Amino acid sequence: MRLLLDTQILVWMVNGDKRLRAEWVEAIVNPESSLHVSAVVAFEYSDLQVRQRIAIEEPISELMERFDLVVEVFPADAWRVAARLPPIHRDPVDRMLIAHALVKGMTLLTADANIRRYPVPFA
């Protein structure tokens, strides 16, 4: 299973946060799973560091090695999908993440209840 991680999940993984549900941890450590981060999430993670909104110093490049993450290029045609999504969630980064998962047929790993209302596979 190709898991596309939301920023919040990535931060929780780094911190070993207890809010990571058992089923998410199981999916993350499953040897049949591969972990992916959209370029938009990589940007958001880095931006949160710069603005000191997260207390994590590890850059995304180190997380790529630590968790065997693949940073995925945002698909050029995903904007079309994002533009057609219902207005459940107004955060443009989250809408881009949803579109990325839909276009690439990936399973989205997120704790965001609003994102989970979209018709995209979730772990």
C-alpha atoms as a PDB file:
ATOM      1  CA  MET A   1       0.000   0.000   0.000  1.00  0.00           C
ATOM      2  CA  ARG A   2       1.336   3.431  -0.946  1.00  0.00           C
ATOM      3  CA  LEU A   3       0.605   5.751   1.980  1.00  0.00           C
ATOM      4  CA  LEU A   4       0.503   9.496   1.379  1.00  0.00           C
ATOM      5  CA  LEU A   5       1.135  11.200   4.720  1.00  0.00           C
ATOM      6  CA  ASP A   6      -0.557  14.364   5.924  1.00  0.00           C
ATOM      7  CA  THR A   7       1.707  16.932   7.617  1.00  0.00           C
ATOM      8  CA  GLN A   8       0.182  16.249  11.025  1.00  0.00           C
ATOM      9  CA  ILE A   9       0.913  12.518  10.751  1.00  0.00           C
ATOM     10  CA  LEU A  10       4.490  13.251   9.705  1.00  0.00           C
ATOM     11  CA  VAL A  11       5.013  15.540  12.710  1.00  0.00           C
ATOM     12  CA  TRP A  12       3.490  12.941  15.041  1.00  0.00           C
ATOM     13  CA  MET A  13       5.787  10.262  13.611  1.00  0.00           C
ATOM     14  CA  VAL A  14       8.847  12.423  14.295  1.00  0.00           C
ATOM     15  CA  ASN A  15       7.717  13.158  17.852  1.00  0.00           C
ATOM     16  CA  GLY A  16       6.465   9.634  18.582  1.00  0.00           C
ATOM     17  CA  ASP A  17       3.159  11.277  19.484  1.00  0.00           C
ATOM     18  CA  LYS A  18       0.620   9.115  21.304  1.00  0.00           C
ATOM     19  CA  ARG A  19      -2.160  10.450  19.079  1.00  0.00           C
ATOM     20  CA  LEU A  20      -0.959   8.099  16.337  1.00  0.00           C
ATOM     21  CA  ARG A  21      -3.639   5.420  16.342  1.00  0.00           C
ATOM     22  CA  ALA A  22      -2.581   1.788  16.514  1.00  0.00           C
ATOM     23  CA  GLU A  23      -3.995   1.066  13.049  1.00  0.00           C
ATOM     24  CA  TRP A  24      -1.962   3.947  11.590  1.00  0.00           C
ATOM     25  CA  VAL A  25       1.233   2.712  13.216  1.00  0.00           C
ATOM     26  CA  GLU A  26       0.443  -0.767  11.912  1.00  0.00           C
ATOM     27  CA  ALA A  27       0.036   0.606   8.368  1.00  0.00           C
ATOM     28  CA  ILE A  28       3.231   2.678   8.676  1.00  0.00           C
ATOM     29  CA  VAL A  29       5.413  -0.220   9.842  1.00  0.00           C
ATOM     30  CA  ASN A  30       3.824  -2.787   7.528  1.00  0.00           C
ATOM     31  CA  PRO A  31       6.602  -4.046   5.228  1.00  0.00           C
ATOM     32  CA  GLU A  32       4.119  -3.974   2.330  1.00  0.00           C
ATOM     33  CA  SER A  33       3.563  -0.235   2.832  1.00  0.00           C
ATOM     34  CA  SER A  34       5.653   2.502   1.292  1.00  0.00           C
ATOM     35  CA  LEU A  35       5.625   5.972   2.827  1.00  0.00           C
ATOM     36  CA  HIS A  36       5.186   9.002   0.607  1.00  0.00           C
ATOM     37  CA  VAL A  37       5.014  12.736   1.204  1.00  0.00           C
ATOM     38  CA  SER A  38       3.609  15.139  -1.330  1.00  0.00           C
ATOM     39  CA  ALA A  39       5.883  18.034  -2.255  1.00  0.00           C
ATOM     40  CA  VAL A  40       3.172  20.323  -0.829  1.00  0.00           C
ATOM     41  CA  VAL A  41       3.448  18.559   2.555  1.00  0.00           C
ATOM     42  CA  ALA A  42       7.260  18.785   2.411  1.00  0.00           C
ATOM     43  CA  PHE A  43       6.864  22.529   1.863  1.00  0.00           C
ATOM     44  CA  GLU A  44       4.313  22.881   4.677  1.00  0.00           C
ATOM     45  CA  TYR A  45       6.562  20.926   7.068  1.00  0.00           C
ATOM     46  CA  SER A  46       9.563  23.135   6.197  1.00  0.00           C
ATOM     47  CA  ASP A  47       7.459  26.288   6.458  1.00  0.00           C
ATOM     48  CA  LEU A  48       6.239  25.270   9.923  1.00  0.00           C
ATOM     49  CA  GLN A  49       9.871  24.874  10.969  1.00  0.00           C
ATOM     50  CA  VAL A  50      10.871  28.285   9.609  1.00  0.00           C
ATOM     51  CA  ARG A  51       7.931  29.953  11.362  1.00  0.00           C
ATOM     52  CA  GLN A  52       8.763  27.971  14.537  1.00  0.00           C
ATOM     53  CA  ARG A  53       5.278  26.455  14.681  1.00  0.00           C
ATOM     54  CA  ILE A  54       6.746  22.999  15.318  1.00  0.00           C
ATOM     55  CA  ALA A  55       9.624  22.214  17.657  1.00  0.00           C
ATOM     56  CA  ILE A  56      11.399  19.870  15.270  1.00  0.00           C
ATOM     57  CA  GLU A  57      14.832  20.565  13.875  1.00  0.00           C
ATOM     58  CA  GLU A  58      15.159  17.554  11.545  1.00  0.00           C
ATOM     59  CA  PRO A  59      14.827  18.710   7.934  1.00  0.00           C
ATOM     60  CA  ILE A  60      12.676  16.738   5.545  1.00  0.00           C
ATOM     61  CA  SER A  61      15.826  15.321   3.925  1.00  0.00           C
ATOM     62  CA  GLU A  62      16.735  13.599   7.216  1.00  0.00           C
ATOM     63  CA  LEU A  63      13.181  12.306   7.615  1.00  0.00           C
ATOM     64  CA  MET A  64      13.438  10.784   4.160  1.00  0.00           C
ATOM     65  CA  GLU A  65      16.302   8.633   5.421  1.00  0.00           C
ATOM     66  CA  ARG A  66      14.906   8.020   8.911  1.00  0.00           C
ATOM     67  CA  PHE A  67      11.495   6.799   7.705  1.00  0.00           C
ATOM     68  CA  ASP A  68      12.388   5.735   4.160  1.00  0.00           C
ATOM     69  CA  LEU A  69      10.064   8.445   2.816  1.00  0.00           C
ATOM     70  CA  VAL A  70       9.662   9.314  -0.821  1.00  0.00           C
ATOM     71  CA  VAL A  71       8.858  12.954  -1.579  1.00  0.00           C
ATOM     72  CA  GLU A  72       6.451  12.912  -4.515  1.00  0.00           C
ATOM     73  CA  VAL A  73       6.288  15.661  -7.112  1.00  0.00           C
ATOM     74  CA  PHE A  74       2.846  17.264  -7.156  1.00  0.00           C
ATOM     75  CA  PRO A  75       1.132  15.977 -10.305  1.00  0.00           C
ATOM     76  CA  ALA A  76       0.670  18.724 -12.886  1.00  0.00           C
ATOM     77  CA  ASP A  77      -2.961  17.788 -13.549  1.00  0.00           C
ATOM     78  CA  ALA A  78      -3.950  17.481  -9.875  1.00  0.00           C
ATOM     79  CA  TRP A  79      -5.001  21.120  -9.760  1.00  0.00           C
ATOM     80  CA  ARG A  80      -7.977  20.199 -11.924  1.00  0.00           C
ATOM     81  CA  VAL A  81      -9.085  17.591  -9.380  1.00  0.00           C
ATOM     82  CA  ALA A  82      -8.475  19.975  -6.463  1.00  0.00           C
ATOM     83  CA  ALA A  83     -10.570  22.668  -8.163  1.00  0.00           C
ATOM     84  CA  ARG A  84     -13.533  20.257  -8.497  1.00  0.00           C
ATOM     85  CA  LEU A  85     -13.495  19.030  -4.894  1.00  0.00           C
ATOM     86  CA  PRO A  86     -16.540  19.942  -2.833  1.00  0.00           C
ATOM     87  CA  PRO A  87     -15.939  22.856  -0.434  1.00  0.00           C
ATOM     88  CA  ILE A  88     -15.748  20.709   2.703  1.00  0.00           C
ATOM     89  CA  HIS A  89     -12.264  21.891   3.569  1.00  0.00           C
ATOM     90  CA  ARG A  90     -10.926  25.335   2.760  1.00  0.00           C
ATOM     91  CA  ASP A  91      -7.211  24.700   3.406  1.00  0.00           C
ATOM     92  CA  PRO A  92      -5.558  24.760  -0.042  1.00  0.00           C
ATOM     93  CA  VAL A  93      -2.649  22.517   1.019  1.00  0.00           C
ATOM     94  CA  ASP A  94      -5.063  19.877   2.278  1.00  0.00           C
ATOM     95  CA  ARG A  95      -7.127  20.095  -0.902  1.00  0.00           C
ATOM     96  CA  MET A  96      -3.946  19.660  -2.949  1.00  0.00           C
ATOM     97  CA  LEU A  97      -3.013  16.644  -0.814  1.00  0.00           C
ATOM     98  CA  ILE A  98      -6.424  15.069  -1.428  1.00  0.00           C
ATOM     99  CA  ALA A  99      -6.094  15.690  -5.173  1.00  0.00           C
ATOM    100  CA  HIS A 100      -2.582  14.211  -5.155  1.00  0.00           C
ATOM    101  CA  ALA A 101      -3.864  11.030  -3.493  1.00  0.00           C
ATOM    102  CA  LEU A 102      -6.755  10.766  -5.958  1.00  0.00           C
ATOM    103  CA  VAL A 103      -4.642  11.331  -9.075  1.00  0.00           C
ATOM    104  CA  LYS A 104      -1.924   8.887  -8.013  1.00  0.00           C
ATOM    105  CA  GLY A 105      -4.251   6.272  -6.502  1.00  0.00           C
ATOM    106  CA  MET A 106      -2.616   6.503  -3.086  1.00  0.00           C
ATOM    107  CA  THR A 107      -4.028   5.854   0.368  1.00  0.00           C
ATOM    108  CA  LEU A 108      -4.142   8.992   2.485  1.00  0.00           C
ATOM    109  CA  LEU A 109      -3.055   8.858   6.109  1.00  0.00           C
ATOM    110  CA  THR A 110      -4.554  11.766   8.041  1.00  0.00           C
ATOM    111  CA  ALA A 111      -6.215  12.524  11.359  1.00  0.00           C
ATOM    112  CA  ASP A 112      -8.117  15.498   9.911  1.00  0.00           C
ATOM    113  CA  ALA A 113     -11.845  14.729  10.145  1.00  0.00           C
ATOM    114  CA  ASN A 114     -12.694  17.181   7.343  1.00  0.00           C
ATOM    115  CA  ILE A 115     -10.223  15.591   4.940  1.00  0.00           C
ATOM    116  CA  ARG A 116     -11.646  12.184   5.804  1.00  0.00           C
ATOM    117  CA  ARG A 117     -15.035  13.329   4.438  1.00  0.00           C
ATOM    118  CA  TYR A 118     -13.653  13.275   0.875  1.00  0.00           C
ATOM    119  CA  PRO A 119     -13.953  10.224  -1.404  1.00  0.00           C
ATOM    120  CA  VAL A 120     -10.321   9.144  -1.150  1.00  0.00           C
ATOM    121  CA  PRO A 121      -8.941   5.877   0.311  1.00  0.00           C
ATOM    122  CA  PHE A 122      -7.762   6.213   3.925  1.00  0.00           C
ATOM    123  CA  ALA A 123      -5.642   4.070   6.183  1.00  0.00           C
END
